[in-house]
Amino acid sequence: MKSLIIGIVILAAAAFAVISPDVAGFGLGWGEDVAAFLRGGLPVIAVLIGIIAVFIGIADMKDRAEARKEEAQAARAENKEA
């Protein structure tokens, strides 16, 4: 419950910071700064997400290869028993 309340307070504070006082009559007017930050940070975030996706893909390929090896060993063991 505390996390929910804290989350709502943080979201309200962020909204207050972004809202322009000219439009709503209150707020800090940081909207343009936030947009500039997002424009500058988005390529960096995209690169990091891409790197993570590549690592996940490589790990998935290794897991599939390992699973195929284990299935082949199980099939060989089953054929030897029969």
PDB file of N, CA and C in Angstrom:
ATOM      1  N   MET A   1       0.825  -1.183   0.000  1.00  0.00           N
ATOM      2  CA  MET A   1       0.000   0.000   0.000  1.00  0.00           C
ATOM      3  C   MET A   1       0.878   1.258   0.000  1.00  0.00           C
ATOM      4  N   LYS A   2       1.988   1.181   0.742  1.00  0.00           N
ATOM      5  CA  LYS A   2       2.900   2.327   0.772  1.00  0.00           C
ATOM      6  C   LYS A   2       3.465   2.604  -0.611  1.00  0.00           C
ATOM      7  N   SER A   3       3.806   1.550  -1.329  1.00  0.00           N
ATOM      8  CA  SER A   3       4.369   1.707  -2.670  1.00  0.00           C
ATOM      9  C   SER A   3       3.378   2.381  -3.603  1.00  0.00           C
ATOM     10  N   LEU A   4       2.117   2.010  -3.496  1.00  0.00           N
ATOM     11  CA  LEU A   4       1.092   2.613  -4.331  1.00  0.00           C
ATOM     12  C   LEU A   4       0.959   4.106  -4.041  1.00  0.00           C
ATOM     13  N   ILE A   5       0.924   4.463  -2.786  1.00  0.00           N
ATOM     14  CA  ILE A   5       0.806   5.868  -2.400  1.00  0.00           C
ATOM     15  C   ILE A   5       2.032   6.660  -2.851  1.00  0.00           C
ATOM     16  N   ILE A   6       3.211   6.099  -2.624  1.00  0.00           N
ATOM     17  CA  ILE A   6       4.445   6.771  -3.044  1.00  0.00           C
ATOM     18  C   ILE A   6       4.463   6.940  -4.556  1.00  0.00           C
ATOM     19  N   GLY A   7       4.044   5.919  -5.286  1.00  0.00           N
ATOM     20  CA  GLY A   7       3.992   5.996  -6.742  1.00  0.00           C
ATOM     21  C   GLY A   7       3.050   7.092  -7.225  1.00  0.00           C
ATOM     22  N   ILE A   8       1.889   7.193  -6.607  1.00  0.00           N
ATOM     23  CA  ILE A   8       0.928   8.230  -6.985  1.00  0.00           C
ATOM     24  C   ILE A   8       1.481   9.615  -6.683  1.00  0.00           C
ATOM     25  N   VAL A   9       2.147   9.770  -5.542  1.00  0.00           N
ATOM     26  CA  VAL A   9       2.745  11.063  -5.183  1.00  0.00           C
ATOM     27  C   VAL A   9       3.836  11.441  -6.183  1.00  0.00           C
ATOM     28  N   ILE A  10       4.671  10.489  -6.553  1.00  0.00           N
ATOM     29  CA  ILE A  10       5.746  10.770  -7.515  1.00  0.00           C
ATOM     30  C   ILE A  10       5.168  11.127  -8.887  1.00  0.00           C
ATOM     31  N   LEU A  11       4.135  10.407  -9.317  1.00  0.00           N
ATOM     32  CA  LEU A  11       3.498  10.737 -10.590  1.00  0.00           C
ATOM     33  C   LEU A  11       2.877  12.128 -10.553  1.00  0.00           C
ATOM     34  N   ALA A  12       2.250  12.487  -9.447  1.00  0.00           N
ATOM     35  CA  ALA A  12       1.657  13.825  -9.322  1.00  0.00           C
ATOM     36  C   ALA A  12       2.749  14.895  -9.342  1.00  0.00           C
ATOM     37  N   ALA A  13       3.861  14.639  -8.666  1.00  0.00           N
ATOM     38  CA  ALA A  13       4.967  15.601  -8.655  1.00  0.00           C
ATOM     39  C   ALA A  13       5.562  15.756 -10.054  1.00  0.00           C
ATOM     40  N   ALA A  14       5.680  14.664 -10.775  1.00  0.00           N
ATOM     41  CA  ALA A  14       6.209  14.733 -12.139  1.00  0.00           C
ATOM     42  C   ALA A  14       5.255  15.496 -13.044  1.00  0.00           C
ATOM     43  N   ALA A  15       3.973  15.248 -12.916  1.00  0.00           N
ATOM     44  CA  ALA A  15       2.992  15.980 -13.720  1.00  0.00           C
ATOM     45  C   ALA A  15       3.030  17.470 -13.387  1.00  0.00           C
ATOM     46  N   PHE A  16       3.147  17.794 -12.112  1.00  0.00           N
ATOM     47  CA  PHE A  16       3.234  19.191 -11.684  1.00  0.00           C
ATOM     48  C   PHE A  16       4.465  19.863 -12.278  1.00  0.00           C
ATOM     49  N   ALA A  17       5.568  19.133 -12.336  1.00  0.00           N
ATOM     50  CA  ALA A  17       6.806  19.700 -12.865  1.00  0.00           C
ATOM     51  C   ALA A  17       6.722  19.945 -14.363  1.00  0.00           C
ATOM     52  N   VAL A  18       5.998  19.111 -15.081  1.00  0.00           N
ATOM     53  CA  VAL A  18       5.942  19.209 -16.534  1.00  0.00           C
ATOM     54  C   VAL A  18       4.899  20.232 -16.994  1.00  0.00           C
ATOM     55  N   ILE A  19       3.823  20.395 -16.244  1.00  0.00           N
ATOM     56  CA  ILE A  19       2.741  21.299 -16.647  1.00  0.00           C
ATOM     57  C   ILE A  19       3.249  22.739 -16.691  1.00  0.00           C
ATOM     58  N   SER A  20       2.849  23.431 -17.736  1.00  0.00           N
ATOM     59  CA  SER A  20       3.240  24.830 -17.893  1.00  0.00           C
ATOM     60  C   SER A  20       2.310  25.726 -17.079  1.00  0.00           C
ATOM     61  N   PRO A  21       2.864  26.682 -16.334  1.00  0.00           N
ATOM     62  CA  PRO A  21       2.000  27.584 -15.568  1.00  0.00           C
ATOM     63  C   PRO A  21       1.133  28.464 -16.464  1.00  0.00           C
ATOM     64  N   ASP A  22       1.562  28.696 -17.700  1.00  0.00           N
ATOM     65  CA  ASP A  22       0.773  29.502 -18.623  1.00  0.00           C
ATOM     66  C   ASP A  22      -0.520  28.788 -19.016  1.00  0.00           C
ATOM     67  N   VAL A  23      -0.465  27.476 -19.112  1.00  0.00           N
ATOM     68  CA  VAL A  23      -1.614  26.689 -19.567  1.00  0.00           C
ATOM     69  C   VAL A  23      -2.573  26.397 -18.414  1.00  0.00           C
ATOM     70  N   ALA A  24      -2.044  25.919 -17.311  1.00  0.00           N
ATOM     71  CA  ALA A  24      -2.889  25.443 -16.221  1.00  0.00           C
ATOM     72  C   ALA A  24      -2.973  26.425 -15.056  1.00  0.00           C
ATOM     73  N   GLY A  25      -2.110  27.399 -15.022  1.00  0.00           N
ATOM     74  CA  GLY A  25      -2.115  28.319 -13.896  1.00  0.00           C
ATOM     75  C   GLY A  25      -1.246  27.848 -12.745  1.00  0.00           C
ATOM     76  N   PHE A  26      -0.699  26.681 -12.847  1.00  0.00           N
ATOM     77  CA  PHE A  26       0.216  26.146 -11.842  1.00  0.00           C
ATOM     78  C   PHE A  26       1.203  25.225 -12.531  1.00  0.00           C
ATOM     79  N   GLY A  27       2.235  24.846 -11.857  1.00  0.00           N
ATOM     80  CA  GLY A  27       3.236  23.942 -12.416  1.00  0.00           C
ATOM     81  C   GLY A  27       4.572  24.628 -12.569  1.00  0.00           C
ATOM     82  N   LEU A  28       5.572  23.836 -12.860  1.00  0.00           N
ATOM     83  CA  LEU A  28       6.936  24.357 -12.978  1.00  0.00           C
ATOM     84  C   LEU A  28       7.328  24.665 -14.418  1.00  0.00           C
ATOM     85  N   GLY A  29       6.634  24.106 -15.375  1.00  0.00           N
ATOM     86  CA  GLY A  29       6.927  24.384 -16.776  1.00  0.00           C
ATOM     87  C   GLY A  29       8.185  23.738 -17.312  1.00  0.00           C
ATOM     88  N   TRP A  30       8.503  22.582 -16.836  1.00  0.00           N
ATOM     89  CA  TRP A  30       9.701  21.882 -17.291  1.00  0.00           C
ATOM     90  C   TRP A  30       9.449  21.009 -18.510  1.00  0.00           C
ATOM     91  N   GLY A  31       8.320  21.155 -19.150  1.00  0.00           N
ATOM     92  CA  GLY A  31       7.956  20.299 -20.277  1.00  0.00           C
ATOM     93  C   GLY A  31       8.967  20.309 -21.392  1.00  0.00           C
ATOM     94  N   GLU A  32       9.458  21.505 -21.763  1.00  0.00           N
ATOM     95  CA  GLU A  32      10.444  21.584 -22.849  1.00  0.00           C
ATOM     96  C   GLU A  32      11.760  20.921 -22.448  1.00  0.00           C
ATOM     97  N   ASP A  33      12.145  21.080 -21.192  1.00  0.00           N
ATOM     98  CA  ASP A  33      13.376  20.439 -20.719  1.00  0.00           C
ATOM     99  C   ASP A  33      13.246  18.919 -20.725  1.00  0.00           C
ATOM    100  N   VAL A  34      12.085  18.438 -20.327  1.00  0.00           N
ATOM    101  CA  VAL A  34      11.851  16.990 -20.328  1.00  0.00           C
ATOM    102  C   VAL A  34      11.883  16.462 -21.760  1.00  0.00           C
ATOM    103  N   ALA A  35      11.258  17.190 -22.685  1.00  0.00           N
ATOM    104  CA  ALA A  35      11.271  16.755 -24.091  1.00  0.00           C
ATOM    105  C   ALA A  35      12.698  16.735 -24.645  1.00  0.00           C
ATOM    106  N   ALA A  36      13.501  17.749 -24.298  1.00  0.00           N
ATOM    107  CA  ALA A  36      14.894  17.778 -24.763  1.00  0.00           C
ATOM    108  C   ALA A  36      15.686  16.608 -24.182  1.00  0.00           C
ATOM    109  N   PHE A  37      15.442  16.319 -22.920  1.00  0.00           N
ATOM    110  CA  PHE A  37      16.118  15.184 -22.274  1.00  0.00           C
ATOM    111  C   PHE A  37      15.746  13.877 -22.971  1.00  0.00           C
ATOM    112  N   LEU A  38      14.467  13.705 -23.264  1.00  0.00           N
ATOM    113  CA  LEU A  38      14.027  12.479 -23.932  1.00  0.00           C
ATOM    114  C   LEU A  38      14.599  12.375 -25.336  1.00  0.00           C
ATOM    115  N   ARG A  39      14.633  13.500 -26.068  1.00  0.00           N
ATOM    116  CA  ARG A  39      15.220  13.473 -27.410  1.00  0.00           C
ATOM    117  C   ARG A  39      16.698  13.109 -27.350  1.00  0.00           C
ATOM    118  N   GLY A  40      17.403  13.591 -26.356  1.00  0.00           N
ATOM    119  CA  GLY A  40      18.828  13.283 -26.242  1.00  0.00           C
ATOM    120  C   GLY A  40      19.094  11.905 -25.689  1.00  0.00           C
ATOM    121  N   GLY A  41      18.222  11.437 -24.800  1.00  0.00           N
ATOM    122  CA  GLY A  41      18.446  10.149 -24.155  1.00  0.00           C
ATOM    123  C   GLY A  41      17.889   8.969 -24.906  1.00  0.00           C
ATOM    124  N   LEU A  42      16.926   9.209 -25.787  1.00  0.00           N
ATOM    125  CA  LEU A  42      16.279   8.107 -26.488  1.00  0.00           C
ATOM    126  C   LEU A  42      17.241   7.266 -27.322  1.00  0.00           C
ATOM    127  N   PRO A  43      18.162   7.860 -28.084  1.00  0.00           N
ATOM    128  CA  PRO A  43      19.111   7.013 -28.829  1.00  0.00           C
ATOM    129  C   PRO A  43      19.989   6.152 -27.914  1.00  0.00           C
ATOM    130  N   VAL A  44      20.399   6.703 -26.794  1.00  0.00           N
ATOM    131  CA  VAL A  44      21.223   5.944 -25.850  1.00  0.00           C
ATOM    132  C   VAL A  44      20.423   4.777 -25.278  1.00  0.00           C
ATOM    133  N   ILE A  45      19.191   5.043 -24.903  1.00  0.00           N
ATOM    134  CA  ILE A  45      18.329   3.984 -24.372  1.00  0.00           C
ATOM    135  C   ILE A  45      18.085   2.920 -25.445  1.00  0.00           C
ATOM    136  N   ALA A  46      17.872   3.348 -26.693  1.00  0.00           N
ATOM    137  CA  ALA A  46      17.651   2.399 -27.789  1.00  0.00           C
ATOM    138  C   ALA A  46      18.867   1.497 -27.990  1.00  0.00           C
ATOM    139  N   VAL A  47      20.059   2.068 -27.913  1.00  0.00           N
ATOM    140  CA  VAL A  47      21.284   1.269 -28.061  1.00  0.00           C
ATOM    141  C   VAL A  47      21.391   0.251 -26.924  1.00  0.00           C
ATOM    142  N   LEU A  48      21.131   0.673 -25.711  1.00  0.00           N
ATOM    143  CA  LEU A  48      21.206  -0.248 -24.573  1.00  0.00           C
ATOM    144  C   LEU A  48      20.186  -1.377 -24.703  1.00  0.00           C
ATOM    145  N   ILE A  49      18.967  -1.035 -25.109  1.00  0.00           N
ATOM    146  CA  ILE A  49      17.949  -2.067 -25.297  1.00  0.00           C
ATOM    147  C   ILE A  49      18.363  -3.016 -26.419  1.00  0.00           C
ATOM    148  N   GLY A  50      18.948  -2.485 -27.480  1.00  0.00           N
ATOM    149  CA  GLY A  50      19.420  -3.328 -28.579  1.00  0.00           C
ATOM    150  C   GLY A  50      20.506  -4.295 -28.137  1.00  0.00           C
ATOM    151  N   ILE A  51      21.436  -3.808 -27.349  1.00  0.00           N
ATOM    152  CA  ILE A  51      22.512  -4.672 -26.837  1.00  0.00           C
ATOM    153  C   ILE A  51      21.944  -5.774 -25.963  1.00  0.00           C
ATOM    154  N   ILE A  52      21.014  -5.413 -25.104  1.00  0.00           N
ATOM    155  CA  ILE A  52      20.385  -6.410 -24.234  1.00  0.00           C
ATOM    156  C   ILE A  52      19.637  -7.445 -25.069  1.00  0.00           C
ATOM    157  N   ALA A  53      18.932  -6.991 -26.115  1.00  0.00           N
ATOM    158  CA  ALA A  53      18.197  -7.917 -26.981  1.00  0.00           C
ATOM    159  C   ALA A  53      19.140  -8.886 -27.687  1.00  0.00           C
ATOM    160  N   VAL A  54      20.298  -8.392 -28.127  1.00  0.00           N
ATOM    161  CA  VAL A  54      21.285  -9.267 -28.777  1.00  0.00           C
ATOM    162  C   VAL A  54      21.777 -10.319 -27.787  1.00  0.00           C
ATOM    163  N   PHE A  55      22.109  -9.901 -26.568  1.00  0.00           N
ATOM    164  CA  PHE A  55      22.573 -10.867 -25.567  1.00  0.00           C
ATOM    165  C   PHE A  55      21.499 -11.900 -25.248  1.00  0.00           C
ATOM    166  N   ILE A  56      20.259 -11.466 -25.146  1.00  0.00           N
ATOM    167  CA  ILE A  56      19.162 -12.400 -24.877  1.00  0.00           C
ATOM    168  C   ILE A  56      19.009 -13.371 -26.044  1.00  0.00           C
ATOM    169  N   GLY A  57      19.122 -12.863 -27.268  1.00  0.00           N
ATOM    170  CA  GLY A  57      19.026 -13.729 -28.448  1.00  0.00           C
ATOM    171  C   GLY A  57      20.126 -14.777 -28.488  1.00  0.00           C
ATOM    172  N   ILE A  58      21.346 -14.373 -28.167  1.00  0.00           N
ATOM    173  CA  ILE A  58      22.470 -15.317 -28.147  1.00  0.00           C
ATOM    174  C   ILE A  58      22.244 -16.376 -27.073  1.00  0.00           C
ATOM    175  N   ALA A  59      21.803 -15.954 -25.897  1.00  0.00           N
ATOM    176  CA  ALA A  59      21.548 -16.908 -24.818  1.00  0.00           C
ATOM    177  C   ALA A  59      20.429 -17.867 -25.203  1.00  0.00           C
ATOM    178  N   ASP A  60      19.406 -17.373 -25.891  1.00  0.00           N
ATOM    179  CA  ASP A  60      18.304 -18.224 -26.324  1.00  0.00           C
ATOM    180  C   ASP A  60      18.784 -19.256 -27.334  1.00  0.00           C
ATOM    181  N   MET A  61      19.644 -18.847 -28.268  1.00  0.00           N
ATOM    182  CA  MET A  61      20.176 -19.791 -29.244  1.00  0.00           C
ATOM    183  C   MET A  61      21.014 -20.864 -28.556  1.00  0.00           C
ATOM    184  N   LYS A  62      21.800 -20.472 -27.565  1.00  0.00           N
ATOM    185  CA  LYS A  62      22.604 -21.454 -26.837  1.00  0.00           C
ATOM    186  C   LYS A  62      21.713 -22.428 -26.075  1.00  0.00           C
ATOM    187  N   ASP A  63      20.638 -21.910 -25.468  1.00  0.00           N
ATOM    188  CA  ASP A  63      19.713 -22.778 -24.734  1.00  0.00           C
ATOM    189  C   ASP A  63      19.030 -23.772 -25.664  1.00  0.00           C
ATOM    190  N   ARG A  64      18.627 -23.306 -26.844  1.00  0.00           N
ATOM    191  CA  ARG A  64      17.989 -24.213 -27.801  1.00  0.00           C
ATOM    192  C   ARG A  64      18.951 -25.287 -28.276  1.00  0.00           C
ATOM    193  N   ALA A  65      20.209 -24.915 -28.514  1.00  0.00           N
ATOM    194  CA  ALA A  65      21.204 -25.904 -28.939  1.00  0.00           C
ATOM    195  C   ALA A  65      21.430 -26.931 -27.832  1.00  0.00           C
ATOM    196  N   GLU A  66      21.498 -26.469 -26.602  1.00  0.00           N
ATOM    197  CA  GLU A  66      21.674 -27.380 -25.465  1.00  0.00           C
ATOM    198  C   GLU A  66      20.473 -28.314 -25.324  1.00  0.00           C
ATOM    199  N   ALA A  67      19.273 -27.785 -25.526  1.00  0.00           N
ATOM    200  CA  ALA A  67      18.067 -28.614 -25.434  1.00  0.00           C
ATOM    201  C   ALA A  67      18.067 -29.678 -26.529  1.00  0.00           C
ATOM    202  N   ARG A  68      18.486 -29.305 -27.741  1.00  0.00           N
ATOM    203  CA  ARG A  68      18.565 -30.291 -28.827  1.00  0.00           C
ATOM    204  C   ARG A  68      19.556 -31.399 -28.487  1.00  0.00           C
ATOM    205  N   LYS A  69      20.692 -31.032 -27.904  1.00  0.00           N
ATOM    206  CA  LYS A  69      21.690 -32.039 -27.520  1.00  0.00           C
ATOM    207  C   LYS A  69      21.115 -32.987 -26.478  1.00  0.00           C
ATOM    208  N   GLU A  70      20.418 -32.423 -25.500  1.00  0.00           N
ATOM    209  CA  GLU A  70      19.836 -33.266 -24.454  1.00  0.00           C
ATOM    210  C   GLU A  70      18.755 -34.183 -25.016  1.00  0.00           C
ATOM    211  N   GLU A  71      17.939 -33.680 -25.948  1.00  0.00           N
ATOM    212  CA  GLU A  71      16.919 -34.523 -26.569  1.00  0.00           C
ATOM    213  C   GLU A  71      17.563 -35.638 -27.385  1.00  0.00           C
ATOM    214  N   ALA A  72      18.638 -35.326 -28.079  1.00  0.00           N
ATOM    215  CA  ALA A  72      19.331 -36.345 -28.864  1.00  0.00           C
ATOM    216  C   ALA A  72      19.932 -37.409 -27.949  1.00  0.00           C
ATOM    217  N   GLN A  73      20.503 -36.995 -26.836  1.00  0.00           N
ATOM    218  CA  GLN A  73      21.057 -37.964 -25.884  1.00  0.00           C
ATOM    219  C   GLN A  73      19.954 -38.828 -25.292  1.00  0.00           C
ATOM    220  N   ALA A  74      18.827 -38.222 -24.992  1.00  0.00           N
ATOM    221  CA  ALA A  74      17.708 -38.991 -24.449  1.00  0.00           C
ATOM    222  C   ALA A  74      17.187 -39.986 -25.473  1.00  0.00           C
ATOM    223  N   ALA A  75      17.143 -39.583 -26.726  1.00  0.00           N
ATOM    224  CA  ALA A  75      16.686 -40.487 -27.789  1.00  0.00           C
ATOM    225  C   ALA A  75      17.669 -41.637 -27.966  1.00  0.00           C
ATOM    226  N   ARG A  76      18.980 -41.348 -27.904  1.00  0.00           N
ATOM    227  CA  ARG A  76      19.976 -42.408 -28.020  1.00  0.00           C
ATOM    228  C   ARG A  76      19.877 -43.381 -26.850  1.00  0.00           C
ATOM    229  N   ALA A  77      19.679 -42.838 -25.657  1.00  0.00           N
ATOM    230  CA  ALA A  77      19.551 -43.696 -24.475  1.00  0.00           C
ATOM    231  C   ALA A  77      18.291 -44.556 -24.573  1.00  0.00           C
ATOM    232  N   GLU A  78      17.241 -44.016 -25.127  1.00  0.00           N
ATOM    233  CA  GLU A  78      15.987 -44.758 -25.278  1.00  0.00           C
ATOM    234  C   GLU A  78      16.151 -45.862 -26.317  1.00  0.00           C
ATOM    235  N   ASN A  79      16.893 -45.564 -27.382  1.00  0.00           N
ATOM    236  CA  ASN A  79      17.126 -46.565 -28.433  1.00  0.00           C
ATOM    237  C   ASN A  79      18.004 -47.697 -27.903  1.00  0.00           C
ATOM    238  N   LYS A  80      18.954 -47.386 -27.026  1.00  0.00           N
ATOM    239  CA  LYS A  80      19.824 -48.426 -26.467  1.00  0.00           C
ATOM    240  C   LYS A  80      19.040 -49.346 -25.548  1.00  0.00           C
ATOM    241  N   GLU A  81      18.057 -48.797 -24.839  1.00  0.00           N
ATOM    242  CA  GLU A  81      17.251 -49.617 -23.915  1.00  0.00           C
ATOM    243  C   GLU A  81      16.317 -50.542 -24.679  1.00  0.00           C
ATOM    244  N   ALA A  82      15.899 -50.124 -25.856  1.00  0.00           N
ATOM    245  CA  ALA A  82      14.931 -50.911 -26.630  1.00  0.00           C
ATOM    246  C   ALA A  82      15.553 -52.036 -27.376  1.00  0.00           C
TER     247      ALA A  82
END
